[in-house]
């Protein structure tokens, strides 16, 4: 059974354009995602959009432990982007 946030988002999604959805999530990522790693699993967005969401989340987060978790997730995404870039050029 999906989490309440995911159900709420799924109910809203047909009424929202992808751009509007992205902007809403970027304004308040914890409203949609339970943990930063959930951003990486969201298949509606590309890696650059995921990075924007994570950076926005980090900018609003005050808890040092939570910021560390966001930073670790950003580092994973950066590694993935670098690997994809290396693979595309190599």
N, C-alpha and C. Protein backbone atom coordinates (compact mmCIF):
# COMPACT_ATOMS: atom_id res chain seq x y z
N UNK A 1 0.86 -1.18 0.00
CA UNK A 1 0.00 0.00 0.00
C UNK A 1 0.90 1.24 0.00
N UNK A 2 0.68 2.18 -0.93
CA UNK A 2 1.53 3.36 -0.97
C UNK A 2 1.34 4.26 0.24
N UNK A 3 2.37 5.01 0.54
CA UNK A 3 2.30 5.95 1.66
C UNK A 3 1.24 7.01 1.37
N UNK A 4 0.76 7.65 2.41
CA UNK A 4 -0.28 8.66 2.27
C UNK A 4 0.15 9.76 1.32
N UNK A 5 1.38 10.23 1.44
CA UNK A 5 1.86 11.29 0.55
C UNK A 5 1.80 10.86 -0.90
N UNK A 6 2.21 9.62 -1.17
CA UNK A 6 2.21 9.13 -2.54
C UNK A 6 0.78 9.01 -3.06
N UNK A 7 -0.15 8.59 -2.21
CA UNK A 7 -1.56 8.51 -2.63
C UNK A 7 -2.10 9.90 -2.92
N UNK A 8 -1.78 10.84 -2.05
CA UNK A 8 -2.24 12.21 -2.26
C UNK A 8 -1.68 12.76 -3.57
N UNK A 9 -0.41 12.52 -3.82
CA UNK A 9 0.22 13.01 -5.03
C UNK A 9 -0.39 12.32 -6.26
N UNK A 10 -0.62 11.03 -6.17
CA UNK A 10 -1.21 10.30 -7.29
C UNK A 10 -2.60 10.85 -7.60
N UNK A 11 -3.35 11.23 -6.59
CA UNK A 11 -4.68 11.80 -6.81
C UNK A 11 -4.59 13.17 -7.46
N UNK A 12 -3.56 13.94 -7.11
CA UNK A 12 -3.37 15.28 -7.67
C UNK A 12 -2.79 15.25 -9.06
N UNK A 13 -1.97 14.27 -9.35
CA UNK A 13 -1.14 14.26 -10.55
C UNK A 13 -1.91 14.46 -11.85
N UNK A 14 -3.04 13.82 -12.07
CA UNK A 14 -3.72 14.02 -13.35
C UNK A 14 -4.12 15.48 -13.59
N UNK A 15 -4.30 16.23 -12.53
CA UNK A 15 -4.71 17.62 -12.67
C UNK A 15 -3.53 18.57 -12.83
N UNK A 16 -2.32 18.09 -12.61
CA UNK A 16 -1.14 18.95 -12.65
C UNK A 16 -0.31 18.65 -13.89
N UNK A 17 0.17 19.69 -14.52
CA UNK A 17 1.14 19.48 -15.59
C UNK A 17 2.45 19.05 -14.94
N UNK A 18 3.32 18.44 -15.71
CA UNK A 18 4.61 18.02 -15.16
C UNK A 18 5.38 19.22 -14.63
N UNK A 19 5.35 20.33 -15.35
CA UNK A 19 6.07 21.52 -14.91
C UNK A 19 5.53 22.04 -13.58
N UNK A 20 4.22 22.09 -13.45
CA UNK A 20 3.58 22.56 -12.21
C UNK A 20 3.91 21.60 -11.07
N UNK A 21 3.83 20.30 -11.34
CA UNK A 21 4.16 19.29 -10.34
C UNK A 21 5.60 19.47 -9.86
N UNK A 22 6.51 19.64 -10.82
CA UNK A 22 7.92 19.84 -10.49
C UNK A 22 8.11 21.07 -9.60
N UNK A 23 7.47 22.17 -9.98
CA UNK A 23 7.60 23.41 -9.19
C UNK A 23 7.03 23.23 -7.79
N UNK A 24 5.90 22.55 -7.67
CA UNK A 24 5.32 22.30 -6.35
C UNK A 24 6.23 21.44 -5.48
N UNK A 25 6.79 20.41 -6.07
CA UNK A 25 7.70 19.54 -5.32
C UNK A 25 8.95 20.29 -4.92
N UNK A 26 9.49 21.08 -5.84
CA UNK A 26 10.72 21.83 -5.56
C UNK A 26 10.52 22.82 -4.42
N UNK A 27 9.34 23.37 -4.30
CA UNK A 27 9.06 24.32 -3.20
C UNK A 27 9.06 23.63 -1.84
N UNK A 28 8.64 22.36 -1.80
CA UNK A 28 8.54 21.67 -0.51
C UNK A 28 8.73 20.16 -0.69
N UNK A 29 9.96 19.71 -0.99
CA UNK A 29 10.19 18.29 -1.24
C UNK A 29 9.74 17.33 -0.14
N UNK A 30 9.92 17.67 1.17
CA UNK A 30 9.51 16.72 2.20
C UNK A 30 8.00 16.46 2.24
N UNK A 31 7.23 17.32 1.60
CA UNK A 31 5.79 17.09 1.55
C UNK A 31 5.47 15.87 0.68
N UNK A 32 6.34 15.59 -0.28
CA UNK A 32 6.12 14.50 -1.23
C UNK A 32 7.00 13.29 -0.93
N UNK A 33 8.27 13.55 -0.59
CA UNK A 33 9.23 12.47 -0.39
C UNK A 33 9.54 12.28 1.09
N UNK A 34 9.54 11.02 1.51
CA UNK A 34 9.84 10.70 2.90
C UNK A 34 11.32 10.88 3.20
N UNK A 35 12.17 10.42 2.29
CA UNK A 35 13.63 10.53 2.44
C UNK A 35 14.22 11.00 1.12
N UNK A 36 15.42 11.61 1.16
CA UNK A 36 16.02 12.10 -0.08
C UNK A 36 16.21 11.03 -1.16
N UNK A 37 16.51 9.81 -0.78
CA UNK A 37 16.69 8.75 -1.77
C UNK A 37 15.42 8.50 -2.59
N UNK A 38 14.26 8.85 -2.04
CA UNK A 38 13.02 8.70 -2.80
C UNK A 38 13.01 9.57 -4.05
N UNK A 39 13.72 10.69 -4.01
CA UNK A 39 13.80 11.56 -5.18
C UNK A 39 14.46 10.80 -6.34
N UNK A 40 15.49 10.02 -6.03
CA UNK A 40 16.20 9.28 -7.07
C UNK A 40 15.33 8.19 -7.70
N UNK A 41 14.36 7.71 -6.96
CA UNK A 41 13.49 6.64 -7.46
C UNK A 41 12.27 7.17 -8.22
N UNK A 42 12.07 8.47 -8.20
CA UNK A 42 10.91 9.06 -8.86
C UNK A 42 11.15 9.09 -10.37
N UNK A 43 10.44 8.25 -11.09
CA UNK A 43 10.67 8.08 -12.52
C UNK A 43 10.02 9.17 -13.38
N UNK A 44 9.31 10.07 -12.75
CA UNK A 44 8.66 11.14 -13.52
C UNK A 44 9.65 12.21 -13.95
N UNK A 45 10.83 12.25 -13.31
CA UNK A 45 11.77 13.32 -13.57
C UNK A 45 13.12 12.77 -14.02
N UNK A 46 13.83 13.60 -14.78
CA UNK A 46 15.19 13.27 -15.19
C UNK A 46 16.17 13.62 -14.09
N UNK A 47 17.42 13.24 -14.30
CA UNK A 47 18.43 13.47 -13.26
C UNK A 47 18.67 14.95 -12.97
N UNK A 48 18.59 15.80 -13.97
CA UNK A 48 18.80 17.23 -13.72
C UNK A 48 17.66 17.80 -12.87
N UNK A 49 16.44 17.36 -13.12
CA UNK A 49 15.31 17.80 -12.29
C UNK A 49 15.44 17.24 -10.88
N UNK A 50 15.88 15.99 -10.77
CA UNK A 50 16.10 15.41 -9.44
C UNK A 50 17.14 16.23 -8.67
N UNK A 51 18.19 16.65 -9.36
CA UNK A 51 19.23 17.45 -8.71
C UNK A 51 18.64 18.77 -8.21
N UNK A 52 17.81 19.40 -9.00
CA UNK A 52 17.19 20.66 -8.57
C UNK A 52 16.32 20.45 -7.34
N UNK A 53 15.59 19.36 -7.31
CA UNK A 53 14.73 19.06 -6.15
C UNK A 53 15.59 18.86 -4.91
N UNK A 54 16.65 18.08 -5.03
CA UNK A 54 17.53 17.82 -3.88
C UNK A 54 18.22 19.09 -3.39
N UNK A 55 18.66 19.91 -4.31
CA UNK A 55 19.32 21.16 -3.90
C UNK A 55 18.33 22.11 -3.22
N UNK A 56 17.11 22.13 -3.72
CA UNK A 56 16.08 22.96 -3.08
C UNK A 56 15.81 22.44 -1.67
N UNK A 57 15.72 21.12 -1.53
CA UNK A 57 15.48 20.51 -0.23
C UNK A 57 16.61 20.88 0.73
N UNK A 58 17.84 20.78 0.25
CA UNK A 58 18.98 21.09 1.11
C UNK A 58 18.95 22.55 1.55
N UNK A 59 18.54 23.44 0.66
CA UNK A 59 18.47 24.85 0.98
C UNK A 59 17.45 25.18 2.07
N UNK A 60 16.45 24.33 2.24
CA UNK A 60 15.40 24.57 3.24
C UNK A 60 15.63 23.80 4.53
N UNK A 61 16.49 22.79 4.48
CA UNK A 61 16.68 21.90 5.63
C UNK A 61 17.56 22.55 6.69
N UNK A 62 17.12 22.48 7.94
CA UNK A 62 17.88 23.06 9.05
C UNK A 62 18.59 22.01 9.90
N UNK A 63 18.12 20.79 9.87
CA UNK A 63 18.69 19.71 10.68
C UNK A 63 20.00 19.22 10.03
N UNK A 64 21.13 19.33 10.73
CA UNK A 64 22.40 18.91 10.14
C UNK A 64 22.43 17.45 9.67
N UNK A 65 21.80 16.56 10.41
CA UNK A 65 21.78 15.15 10.01
C UNK A 65 21.00 14.97 8.71
N UNK A 66 19.89 15.68 8.59
CA UNK A 66 19.10 15.61 7.36
C UNK A 66 19.88 16.20 6.18
N UNK A 67 20.58 17.31 6.44
CA UNK A 67 21.38 17.92 5.37
C UNK A 67 22.48 16.96 4.91
N UNK A 68 23.07 16.24 5.86
CA UNK A 68 24.10 15.25 5.50
C UNK A 68 23.52 14.17 4.61
N UNK A 69 22.30 13.72 4.92
CA UNK A 69 21.66 12.70 4.10
C UNK A 69 21.36 13.24 2.69
N UNK A 70 20.93 14.48 2.62
CA UNK A 70 20.67 15.10 1.32
C UNK A 70 21.98 15.23 0.54
N UNK A 71 23.04 15.66 1.21
CA UNK A 71 24.35 15.79 0.55
C UNK A 71 24.83 14.44 0.00
N UNK A 72 24.64 13.39 0.76
CA UNK A 72 25.04 12.05 0.31
C UNK A 72 24.23 11.63 -0.92
N UNK A 73 22.95 11.98 -0.93
CA UNK A 73 22.10 11.64 -2.07
C UNK A 73 22.51 12.45 -3.30
N UNK A 74 22.84 13.72 -3.10
CA UNK A 74 23.33 14.55 -4.20
C UNK A 74 24.63 13.97 -4.76
N UNK A 75 25.52 13.52 -3.88
CA UNK A 75 26.79 12.92 -4.33
C UNK A 75 26.54 11.67 -5.17
N UNK A 76 25.57 10.84 -4.77
CA UNK A 76 25.24 9.66 -5.57
C UNK A 76 24.74 10.06 -6.95
N UNK A 77 23.90 11.06 -6.99
CA UNK A 77 23.37 11.52 -8.26
C UNK A 77 24.47 12.12 -9.13
N UNK A 78 25.37 12.88 -8.53
CA UNK A 78 26.50 13.44 -9.29
C UNK A 78 27.37 12.34 -9.87
N UNK A 79 27.60 11.27 -9.09
CA UNK A 79 28.37 10.13 -9.59
C UNK A 79 27.67 9.50 -10.78
N UNK A 80 26.37 9.35 -10.67
CA UNK A 80 25.58 8.76 -11.76
C UNK A 80 25.66 9.64 -13.01
N UNK A 81 25.56 10.95 -12.83
CA UNK A 81 25.65 11.86 -13.97
C UNK A 81 27.03 11.82 -14.61
N UNK A 82 28.08 11.76 -13.78
CA UNK A 82 29.44 11.67 -14.32
C UNK A 82 29.66 10.37 -15.08
N UNK A 83 29.17 9.28 -14.52
CA UNK A 83 29.30 7.98 -15.17
C UNK A 83 28.59 7.97 -16.52
N UNK A 84 27.41 8.56 -16.55
CA UNK A 84 26.64 8.62 -17.80
C UNK A 84 27.37 9.48 -18.82
N UNK A 85 27.96 10.57 -18.35
CA UNK A 85 28.70 11.47 -19.24
C UNK A 85 29.95 10.78 -19.78
N UNK A 86 30.68 10.07 -18.92
CA UNK A 86 31.87 9.34 -19.33
C UNK A 86 31.51 8.25 -20.33
N UNK A 87 30.40 7.58 -20.08
CA UNK A 87 29.95 6.50 -20.96
C UNK A 87 29.55 7.06 -22.33
N UNK A 88 28.93 8.22 -22.33
CA UNK A 88 28.49 8.82 -23.59
C UNK A 88 29.66 9.33 -24.42
N UNK A 89 30.73 9.77 -23.77
CA UNK A 89 31.88 10.29 -24.51
C UNK A 89 32.94 9.23 -24.78
N UNK A 90 32.83 8.10 -24.09
CA UNK A 90 33.88 7.08 -24.21
C UNK A 90 33.53 5.97 -25.05
